[in-house]
């Protein structure tokens, strides 16, 4: 009986998923140069001054701006301008994900998929990807197809993930 990630596809599949998510995070940071929350954050991200970006993002993130919260999570996840800190990344991603930010939901799925800052949990990872898909993420839709198509999770595991984690609140870390 197959269970968990990687039973079918092994290391190559895990590397592929990790690569897709890493590219998505880097793309989000690049897009940040032309998006909100303010000229200081945009300029800092665009120029690669991640310390300044961190400083500029803290205030809007603290006010509840989901985009800024996800961007701060990315900085902590990647260790750009700050020390790599998966727990802080999770805290910021959670705040954004709870507001329906699909990018943050994808990032939470990746952390659970890889066991970064949390115990590895394929059911939670799948459920986070599902939430992101429901919020319009095409990347999440691709990952969901990959997971189902590779049989890395059994149909029973997929059903179990849906039962255990039907909402974002049920996924609270």
N, C-alpha and C. Protein backbone atom coordinates (compact mmCIF):
# COMPACT_ATOMS: atom_id res chain seq x y z
N UNK A 1 0.85 -1.18 0.00
CA UNK A 1 0.00 0.00 0.00
C UNK A 1 0.89 1.24 0.00
N UNK A 2 0.58 2.20 -0.81
CA UNK A 2 1.33 3.44 -0.87
C UNK A 2 0.82 4.38 0.20
N UNK A 3 1.75 5.08 0.83
CA UNK A 3 1.33 6.12 1.76
C UNK A 3 2.40 7.19 1.79
N UNK A 4 1.98 8.42 2.08
CA UNK A 4 2.91 9.53 2.19
C UNK A 4 3.41 10.00 0.83
N UNK A 5 4.30 10.97 0.90
CA UNK A 5 4.89 11.54 -0.31
C UNK A 5 6.04 10.65 -0.75
N UNK A 6 6.28 10.62 -2.03
CA UNK A 6 7.49 10.05 -2.55
C UNK A 6 7.51 8.56 -2.72
N UNK A 7 6.47 7.83 -2.45
CA UNK A 7 6.47 6.39 -2.66
C UNK A 7 6.54 6.09 -4.15
N UNK A 8 5.95 6.95 -4.94
CA UNK A 8 5.97 6.80 -6.38
C UNK A 8 6.60 8.06 -6.94
N UNK A 9 7.80 7.99 -7.36
CA UNK A 9 8.49 9.15 -7.88
C UNK A 9 9.65 9.56 -7.01
N UNK A 10 9.63 9.20 -5.76
CA UNK A 10 10.73 9.37 -4.84
C UNK A 10 11.34 10.76 -4.81
N UNK A 11 12.65 10.79 -4.70
CA UNK A 11 13.41 12.01 -4.54
C UNK A 11 13.19 12.97 -5.69
N UNK A 12 13.11 12.46 -6.91
CA UNK A 12 12.91 13.32 -8.07
C UNK A 12 11.62 14.11 -7.94
N UNK A 13 10.54 13.48 -7.50
CA UNK A 13 9.25 14.15 -7.35
C UNK A 13 9.34 15.21 -6.26
N UNK A 14 9.99 14.88 -5.14
CA UNK A 14 10.13 15.85 -4.05
C UNK A 14 10.94 17.05 -4.52
N UNK A 15 12.02 16.81 -5.27
CA UNK A 15 12.83 17.90 -5.78
C UNK A 15 12.02 18.75 -6.75
N UNK A 16 11.18 18.13 -7.56
CA UNK A 16 10.34 18.87 -8.51
C UNK A 16 9.37 19.77 -7.77
N UNK A 17 8.70 19.25 -6.76
CA UNK A 17 7.76 20.06 -5.97
C UNK A 17 8.49 21.20 -5.29
N UNK A 18 9.64 20.90 -4.68
CA UNK A 18 10.40 21.93 -3.99
C UNK A 18 10.84 23.01 -4.98
N UNK A 19 11.24 22.61 -6.18
CA UNK A 19 11.65 23.56 -7.20
C UNK A 19 10.52 24.46 -7.65
N UNK A 20 9.35 23.88 -7.84
CA UNK A 20 8.18 24.66 -8.26
C UNK A 20 7.86 25.71 -7.21
N UNK A 21 7.86 25.31 -5.95
CA UNK A 21 7.52 26.25 -4.88
C UNK A 21 8.60 27.32 -4.74
N UNK A 22 9.87 26.94 -4.82
CA UNK A 22 10.95 27.92 -4.70
C UNK A 22 10.87 28.95 -5.83
N UNK A 23 10.60 28.51 -7.03
CA UNK A 23 10.45 29.44 -8.16
C UNK A 23 9.26 30.37 -7.92
N UNK A 24 8.18 29.84 -7.38
CA UNK A 24 7.00 30.67 -7.10
C UNK A 24 7.32 31.74 -6.07
N UNK A 25 8.09 31.38 -5.04
CA UNK A 25 8.45 32.35 -4.01
C UNK A 25 9.35 33.44 -4.60
N UNK A 26 10.34 33.03 -5.39
CA UNK A 26 11.22 34.02 -6.02
C UNK A 26 10.45 34.91 -6.99
N UNK A 27 9.50 34.33 -7.72
CA UNK A 27 8.68 35.12 -8.64
C UNK A 27 7.84 36.14 -7.87
N UNK A 28 7.34 35.73 -6.71
CA UNK A 28 6.55 36.65 -5.89
C UNK A 28 7.41 37.82 -5.42
N UNK A 29 8.66 37.54 -5.04
CA UNK A 29 9.54 38.63 -4.63
C UNK A 29 9.86 39.55 -5.80
N UNK A 30 10.06 39.00 -6.98
CA UNK A 30 10.32 39.82 -8.15
C UNK A 30 9.10 40.69 -8.48
N UNK A 31 7.92 40.10 -8.38
CA UNK A 31 6.69 40.85 -8.64
C UNK A 31 6.50 41.95 -7.61
N UNK A 32 7.06 41.76 -6.43
CA UNK A 32 6.91 42.75 -5.37
C UNK A 32 7.48 44.10 -5.78
N UNK A 33 8.42 44.10 -6.69
CA UNK A 33 9.03 45.35 -7.11
C UNK A 33 8.02 46.26 -7.82
N UNK A 34 6.92 45.70 -8.33
CA UNK A 34 5.93 46.52 -9.02
C UNK A 34 4.58 46.51 -8.30
N UNK A 35 4.51 45.91 -7.15
CA UNK A 35 3.26 45.84 -6.40
C UNK A 35 3.35 46.71 -5.15
N UNK A 36 2.33 46.69 -4.33
CA UNK A 36 2.30 47.44 -3.08
C UNK A 36 3.27 46.84 -2.08
N UNK A 37 3.43 47.24 -0.91
CA UNK A 37 2.63 48.17 -0.15
C UNK A 37 3.11 49.60 -0.19
N UNK A 38 4.28 49.91 -0.71
CA UNK A 38 4.70 51.29 -0.77
C UNK A 38 5.97 51.42 -1.58
N UNK A 39 6.31 52.66 -1.91
CA UNK A 39 7.48 52.87 -2.76
C UNK A 39 8.76 52.39 -2.12
N UNK A 40 8.90 52.52 -0.80
CA UNK A 40 10.12 52.07 -0.15
C UNK A 40 10.30 50.56 -0.29
N UNK A 41 9.24 49.81 -0.05
CA UNK A 41 9.32 48.35 -0.16
C UNK A 41 9.57 47.94 -1.60
N UNK A 42 8.86 48.57 -2.53
CA UNK A 42 9.05 48.24 -3.96
C UNK A 42 10.48 48.51 -4.38
N UNK A 43 10.97 49.68 -4.05
CA UNK A 43 12.33 50.04 -4.45
C UNK A 43 13.36 49.11 -3.81
N UNK A 44 13.16 48.80 -2.54
CA UNK A 44 14.12 47.93 -1.85
C UNK A 44 14.11 46.52 -2.43
N UNK A 45 12.93 45.98 -2.67
CA UNK A 45 12.84 44.64 -3.26
C UNK A 45 13.42 44.64 -4.67
N UNK A 46 13.09 45.67 -5.44
CA UNK A 46 13.57 45.76 -6.82
C UNK A 46 15.08 45.87 -6.91
N UNK A 47 15.69 46.52 -5.93
CA UNK A 47 17.14 46.71 -5.95
C UNK A 47 17.88 45.59 -5.22
N UNK A 48 17.13 44.69 -4.58
CA UNK A 48 17.76 43.62 -3.83
C UNK A 48 18.21 44.02 -2.44
N UNK A 49 17.74 45.17 -1.96
CA UNK A 49 18.07 45.61 -0.60
C UNK A 49 17.03 45.02 0.36
N UNK A 50 17.25 43.78 0.72
CA UNK A 50 16.24 43.05 1.49
C UNK A 50 16.13 43.51 2.94
N UNK A 51 17.19 44.07 3.49
CA UNK A 51 17.08 44.64 4.85
C UNK A 51 16.11 45.82 4.85
N UNK A 52 16.27 46.68 3.85
CA UNK A 52 15.36 47.83 3.75
C UNK A 52 13.94 47.36 3.43
N UNK A 53 13.82 46.33 2.59
CA UNK A 53 12.49 45.79 2.28
C UNK A 53 11.84 45.26 3.54
N UNK A 54 12.61 44.56 4.36
CA UNK A 54 12.08 44.03 5.62
C UNK A 54 11.54 45.16 6.48
N UNK A 55 12.34 46.22 6.61
CA UNK A 55 11.92 47.36 7.43
C UNK A 55 10.66 48.01 6.86
N UNK A 56 10.59 48.15 5.54
CA UNK A 56 9.44 48.79 4.91
C UNK A 56 8.19 47.93 4.95
N UNK A 57 8.33 46.62 5.01
CA UNK A 57 7.17 45.72 5.01
C UNK A 57 6.57 45.53 6.40
N UNK A 58 7.35 45.75 7.45
CA UNK A 58 6.86 45.47 8.81
C UNK A 58 5.60 46.25 9.16
N UNK A 59 5.58 47.54 8.83
CA UNK A 59 4.42 48.35 9.22
C UNK A 59 3.14 47.91 8.50
N UNK A 60 3.13 47.77 7.17
CA UNK A 60 1.89 47.32 6.54
C UNK A 60 1.51 45.88 6.93
N UNK A 61 2.51 45.04 7.15
CA UNK A 61 2.21 43.67 7.60
C UNK A 61 1.56 43.70 8.98
N UNK A 62 2.08 44.54 9.85
CA UNK A 62 1.50 44.68 11.19
C UNK A 62 0.08 45.21 11.17
N UNK A 63 -0.25 46.02 10.14
CA UNK A 63 -1.61 46.54 9.97
C UNK A 63 -2.55 45.49 9.40
N UNK A 64 -2.00 44.37 8.92
CA UNK A 64 -2.85 43.32 8.39
C UNK A 64 -2.83 43.18 6.88
N UNK A 65 -1.92 43.84 6.19
CA UNK A 65 -1.82 43.73 4.74
C UNK A 65 -1.31 42.32 4.39
N UNK A 66 -2.16 41.51 3.80
CA UNK A 66 -1.82 40.10 3.52
C UNK A 66 -0.65 39.99 2.55
N UNK A 67 -0.58 40.88 1.57
CA UNK A 67 0.54 40.82 0.63
C UNK A 67 1.86 41.07 1.36
N UNK A 68 1.89 42.08 2.22
CA UNK A 68 3.11 42.40 2.98
C UNK A 68 3.45 41.25 3.94
N UNK A 69 2.45 40.65 4.55
CA UNK A 69 2.70 39.52 5.45
C UNK A 69 3.34 38.36 4.70
N UNK A 70 2.82 38.04 3.52
CA UNK A 70 3.39 36.96 2.73
C UNK A 70 4.82 37.31 2.29
N UNK A 71 5.04 38.57 1.89
CA UNK A 71 6.38 39.00 1.48
C UNK A 71 7.37 38.87 2.64
N UNK A 72 6.96 39.26 3.85
CA UNK A 72 7.84 39.09 5.01
C UNK A 72 8.12 37.61 5.25
N UNK A 73 7.09 36.78 5.11
CA UNK A 73 7.31 35.33 5.25
C UNK A 73 8.35 34.84 4.25
N UNK A 74 8.28 35.36 3.03
CA UNK A 74 9.27 34.96 2.01
C UNK A 74 10.68 35.36 2.42
N UNK A 75 10.83 36.57 2.97
CA UNK A 75 12.16 37.01 3.40
C UNK A 75 12.72 36.09 4.48
N UNK A 76 11.87 35.72 5.45
CA UNK A 76 12.33 34.81 6.51
C UNK A 76 12.58 33.40 5.97
N UNK A 77 11.75 32.95 5.06
CA UNK A 77 11.93 31.62 4.48
C UNK A 77 13.26 31.53 3.72
N UNK A 78 13.54 32.54 2.93
CA UNK A 78 14.74 32.52 2.09
C UNK A 78 15.97 33.10 2.78
N UNK A 79 15.79 33.74 3.94
CA UNK A 79 16.93 34.35 4.63
C UNK A 79 17.47 35.56 3.88
N UNK A 80 16.59 36.37 3.33
CA UNK A 80 16.99 37.56 2.59
C UNK A 80 16.82 38.79 3.47
N UNK A 81 17.93 39.40 3.86
CA UNK A 81 17.90 40.57 4.72
C UNK A 81 17.71 40.25 6.19
N UNK A 82 17.44 39.01 6.47
CA UNK A 82 17.25 38.51 7.84
C UNK A 82 17.81 37.09 7.89
N UNK A 83 17.96 36.58 9.09
CA UNK A 83 18.36 35.18 9.24
C UNK A 83 17.20 34.29 8.79
N UNK A 84 17.51 33.17 8.15
CA UNK A 84 16.47 32.20 7.81
C UNK A 84 15.80 31.76 9.10
N UNK A 85 14.49 31.85 9.14
CA UNK A 85 13.73 31.49 10.34
C UNK A 85 12.37 30.97 9.89
N UNK A 86 12.24 29.65 9.80
CA UNK A 86 11.00 29.05 9.31
C UNK A 86 9.83 29.33 10.24
N UNK A 87 10.07 29.41 11.54
CA UNK A 87 8.96 29.70 12.47
C UNK A 87 8.39 31.09 12.21
N UNK A 88 9.26 32.07 12.00
CA UNK A 88 8.77 33.42 11.69
C UNK A 88 8.08 33.44 10.33
N UNK A 89 8.64 32.70 9.38
CA UNK A 89 8.00 32.60 8.06
C UNK A 89 6.59 32.05 8.22
N UNK A 90 6.45 31.00 9.02
CA UNK A 90 5.14 30.39 9.25
C UNK A 90 4.18 31.40 9.88
N UNK A 91 4.66 32.15 10.86
CA UNK A 91 3.80 33.14 11.51
C UNK A 91 3.25 34.15 10.50
N UNK A 92 4.14 34.66 9.64
CA UNK A 92 3.68 35.64 8.66
C UNK A 92 2.83 34.99 7.59
N UNK A 93 3.23 33.83 7.11
CA UNK A 93 2.42 33.14 6.10
C UNK A 93 1.02 32.84 6.65
N UNK A 94 0.95 32.40 7.90
CA UNK A 94 -0.35 32.07 8.49
C UNK A 94 -1.27 33.30 8.47
N UNK A 95 -0.76 34.45 8.87
CA UNK A 95 -1.57 35.66 8.91
C UNK A 95 -2.14 35.98 7.53
N UNK A 96 -1.30 35.85 6.52
CA UNK A 96 -1.76 36.12 5.15
C UNK A 96 -2.69 35.02 4.65
N UNK A 97 -2.36 33.77 4.95
CA UNK A 97 -3.18 32.64 4.49
C UNK A 97 -4.58 32.69 5.09
N UNK A 98 -4.67 33.11 6.34
CA UNK A 98 -5.98 33.19 7.00
C UNK A 98 -6.88 34.23 6.34
N UNK A 99 -6.28 35.16 5.60
CA UNK A 99 -7.05 36.18 4.88
C UNK A 99 -7.36 35.74 3.45
N UNK A 100 -6.99 34.51 3.10
CA UNK A 100 -7.28 34.00 1.77
C UNK A 100 -6.20 34.26 0.74
N UNK A 101 -5.01 34.64 1.18
CA UNK A 101 -3.90 34.90 0.25
C UNK A 101 -3.39 33.56 -0.27
N UNK A 102 -3.64 33.30 -1.55
CA UNK A 102 -3.30 31.99 -2.15
C UNK A 102 -1.80 31.73 -2.15
N UNK A 103 -0.99 32.77 -2.35
CA UNK A 103 0.47 32.57 -2.35
C UNK A 103 0.94 32.10 -0.97
N UNK A 104 0.40 32.70 0.08
CA UNK A 104 0.77 32.29 1.44
C UNK A 104 0.27 30.88 1.72
N UNK A 105 -0.88 30.52 1.20
CA UNK A 105 -1.39 29.16 1.38
C UNK A 105 -0.49 28.14 0.67
N UNK A 106 -0.01 28.49 -0.51
CA UNK A 106 0.95 27.63 -1.20
C UNK A 106 2.22 27.48 -0.37
N UNK A 107 2.68 28.59 0.19
CA UNK A 107 3.90 28.56 0.98
C UNK A 107 3.72 27.68 2.22
N UNK A 108 2.57 27.77 2.86
CA UNK A 108 2.30 26.90 4.01
C UNK A 108 2.32 25.44 3.58
N UNK A 109 1.71 25.15 2.45
CA UNK A 109 1.74 23.78 1.93
C UNK A 109 3.15 23.28 1.72
N UNK A 110 3.99 24.14 1.16
CA UNK A 110 5.39 23.76 0.93
C UNK A 110 6.11 23.45 2.23
N UNK A 111 5.90 24.28 3.25
CA UNK A 111 6.57 24.05 4.53
C UNK A 111 6.15 22.71 5.14
N UNK A 112 4.87 22.39 5.06
CA UNK A 112 4.41 21.09 5.57
C UNK A 112 4.88 19.94 4.68
N UNK A 113 4.96 20.17 3.40
CA UNK A 113 5.43 19.14 2.47
C UNK A 113 6.89 18.79 2.76
N UNK A 114 7.70 19.80 3.05
CA UNK A 114 9.13 19.59 3.26
C UNK A 114 9.51 19.42 4.73
N UNK A 115 8.57 19.71 5.65
CA UNK A 115 8.89 19.62 7.08
C UNK A 115 9.84 20.72 7.52
N UNK A 116 9.62 21.93 7.05
CA UNK A 116 10.48 23.07 7.39
C UNK A 116 9.79 23.92 8.46
N UNK A 117 10.29 23.86 9.68
CA UNK A 117 9.70 24.62 10.78
C UNK A 117 8.50 23.95 11.40
N UNK A 118 8.05 22.87 10.79
CA UNK A 118 6.91 22.08 11.27
C UNK A 118 7.21 20.62 10.99
N UNK A 119 6.47 19.75 11.63
CA UNK A 119 6.60 18.32 11.30
C UNK A 119 6.08 18.10 9.89
N UNK A 120 6.76 17.27 9.15
CA UNK A 120 6.31 16.95 7.79
C UNK A 120 4.94 16.29 7.87
N UNK A 121 4.00 16.81 7.09
CA UNK A 121 2.63 16.33 7.16
C UNK A 121 2.00 16.42 5.77
N UNK A 122 2.03 15.33 5.01
CA UNK A 122 1.50 15.38 3.64
C UNK A 122 0.01 15.71 3.57
N UNK A 123 -0.76 15.32 4.57
CA UNK A 123 -2.19 15.65 4.55
C UNK A 123 -2.41 17.14 4.70
N UNK A 124 -1.69 17.76 5.62
CA UNK A 124 -1.80 19.22 5.78
C UNK A 124 -1.27 19.93 4.55
N UNK A 125 -0.17 19.45 3.99
CA UNK A 125 0.37 20.07 2.78
C UNK A 125 -0.67 20.05 1.67
N UNK A 126 -1.26 18.90 1.47
CA UNK A 126 -2.29 18.77 0.43
C UNK A 126 -3.45 19.72 0.70
N UNK A 127 -3.87 19.79 1.96
CA UNK A 127 -5.00 20.65 2.32
C UNK A 127 -4.66 22.13 2.08
N UNK A 128 -3.41 22.52 2.36
CA UNK A 128 -3.01 23.91 2.07
C UNK A 128 -3.03 24.17 0.57
N UNK A 129 -2.52 23.23 -0.22
CA UNK A 129 -2.55 23.41 -1.67
C UNK A 129 -4.00 23.50 -2.16
N UNK A 130 -4.86 22.73 -1.54
CA UNK A 130 -6.28 22.77 -1.93
C UNK A 130 -6.89 24.13 -1.62
N UNK A 131 -6.55 24.68 -0.45
CA UNK A 131 -7.04 26.03 -0.11
C UNK A 131 -6.55 27.05 -1.14
N UNK A 132 -5.28 26.96 -1.51
CA UNK A 132 -4.72 27.88 -2.50
C UNK A 132 -5.42 27.72 -3.84
N UNK A 133 -5.70 26.49 -4.22
CA UNK A 133 -6.42 26.24 -5.47
C UNK A 133 -7.79 26.90 -5.42
N UNK A 134 -8.48 26.75 -4.30
CA UNK A 134 -9.81 27.34 -4.16
C UNK A 134 -9.76 28.87 -4.20
N UNK A 135 -8.59 29.44 -3.90
CA UNK A 135 -8.43 30.89 -3.95
C UNK A 135 -7.78 31.34 -5.26
N UNK A 136 -7.79 30.46 -6.26
CA UNK A 136 -7.41 30.85 -7.60
C UNK A 136 -5.97 30.61 -8.02
N UNK A 137 -5.21 29.88 -7.24
CA UNK A 137 -3.81 29.64 -7.60
C UNK A 137 -3.70 28.57 -8.69
N UNK A 138 -3.19 28.97 -9.86
CA UNK A 138 -2.96 28.01 -10.93
C UNK A 138 -1.83 27.04 -10.57
N UNK A 139 -0.82 27.53 -9.84
CA UNK A 139 0.27 26.65 -9.41
C UNK A 139 -0.25 25.56 -8.48
N UNK A 140 -1.18 25.92 -7.60
CA UNK A 140 -1.77 24.93 -6.71
C UNK A 140 -2.55 23.90 -7.51
N UNK A 141 -3.25 24.36 -8.52
CA UNK A 141 -4.00 23.44 -9.38
C UNK A 141 -3.04 22.45 -10.04
N UNK A 142 -1.90 22.92 -10.51
CA UNK A 142 -0.89 22.05 -11.12
C UNK A 142 -0.35 21.04 -10.11
N UNK A 143 -0.07 21.50 -8.90
CA UNK A 143 0.44 20.60 -7.86
C UNK A 143 -0.59 19.54 -7.49
N UNK A 144 -1.84 19.94 -7.41
CA UNK A 144 -2.90 18.99 -7.08
C UNK A 144 -2.98 17.90 -8.16
N UNK A 145 -2.86 18.31 -9.42
CA UNK A 145 -2.86 17.32 -10.51
C UNK A 145 -1.64 16.40 -10.40
N UNK A 146 -0.49 16.98 -10.10
CA UNK A 146 0.73 16.20 -9.97
C UNK A 146 0.60 15.18 -8.84
N UNK A 147 0.07 15.60 -7.72
CA UNK A 147 -0.10 14.71 -6.57
C UNK A 147 -1.05 13.57 -6.92
N UNK A 148 -2.18 13.90 -7.50
CA UNK A 148 -3.16 12.87 -7.86
C UNK A 148 -2.63 11.96 -8.96
N UNK A 149 -1.98 12.55 -9.96
CA UNK A 149 -1.49 11.77 -11.09
C UNK A 149 -0.34 10.86 -10.75
N UNK A 150 0.49 11.25 -9.79
CA UNK A 150 1.65 10.43 -9.45
C UNK A 150 1.32 9.37 -8.41
N UNK A 151 0.11 9.42 -7.89
CA UNK A 151 -0.32 8.50 -6.83
C UNK A 151 0.58 8.59 -5.60
N UNK A 152 1.17 9.76 -5.38
CA UNK A 152 1.99 9.94 -4.19
C UNK A 152 1.13 9.97 -2.92
N UNK A 153 -0.16 10.24 -3.11
CA UNK A 153 -1.13 10.10 -2.03
C UNK A 153 -2.24 9.19 -2.55
N UNK A 154 -2.68 8.32 -1.72
CA UNK A 154 -3.77 7.45 -2.14
C UNK A 154 -5.08 8.24 -2.15
N UNK A 155 -6.07 7.77 -2.88
CA UNK A 155 -7.37 8.45 -2.85
C UNK A 155 -7.92 8.56 -1.43
N UNK A 156 -7.68 7.55 -0.60
CA UNK A 156 -8.15 7.61 0.79
C UNK A 156 -7.44 8.71 1.56
N UNK A 157 -6.14 8.90 1.31
CA UNK A 157 -5.42 9.98 1.99
C UNK A 157 -5.95 11.35 1.55
N UNK A 158 -6.24 11.48 0.28
CA UNK A 158 -6.78 12.74 -0.22
C UNK A 158 -8.14 13.03 0.43
N UNK A 159 -8.99 12.01 0.51
CA UNK A 159 -10.28 12.18 1.18
C UNK A 159 -10.10 12.53 2.65
N UNK A 160 -9.15 11.88 3.29
CA UNK A 160 -8.88 12.13 4.72
C UNK A 160 -8.41 13.58 4.92
N UNK A 161 -7.55 14.05 4.04
CA UNK A 161 -7.09 15.44 4.14
C UNK A 161 -8.26 16.41 4.02
N UNK A 162 -9.17 16.12 3.11
CA UNK A 162 -10.34 16.99 2.93
C UNK A 162 -11.24 16.96 4.16
N UNK A 163 -11.37 15.78 4.78
CA UNK A 163 -12.20 15.66 5.98
C UNK A 163 -11.57 16.38 7.17
N UNK A 164 -10.27 16.19 7.37
CA UNK A 164 -9.59 16.76 8.53
C UNK A 164 -9.44 18.27 8.44
N UNK A 165 -9.24 18.79 7.23
CA UNK A 165 -8.90 20.19 7.05
C UNK A 165 -9.78 20.86 5.99
N UNK A 166 -11.07 21.00 6.27
CA UNK A 166 -11.97 21.59 5.27
C UNK A 166 -11.84 23.12 5.13
N UNK A 167 -11.25 23.77 6.14
CA UNK A 167 -11.14 25.23 6.13
C UNK A 167 -9.73 25.64 6.52
N UNK A 168 -9.43 26.88 6.27
CA UNK A 168 -8.13 27.42 6.68
C UNK A 168 -8.00 27.36 8.20
N UNK A 169 -9.06 27.68 8.90
CA UNK A 169 -9.00 27.65 10.37
C UNK A 169 -8.64 26.28 10.90
N UNK A 170 -9.11 25.23 10.25
CA UNK A 170 -8.77 23.87 10.68
C UNK A 170 -7.29 23.57 10.47
N UNK A 171 -6.62 24.36 9.64
CA UNK A 171 -5.20 24.18 9.36
C UNK A 171 -4.29 25.03 10.25
N UNK A 172 -4.86 25.76 11.17
CA UNK A 172 -4.07 26.64 12.05
C UNK A 172 -2.90 25.86 12.65
N UNK A 173 -1.67 26.43 12.52
CA UNK A 173 -0.50 25.73 13.09
C UNK A 173 -0.53 25.67 14.59
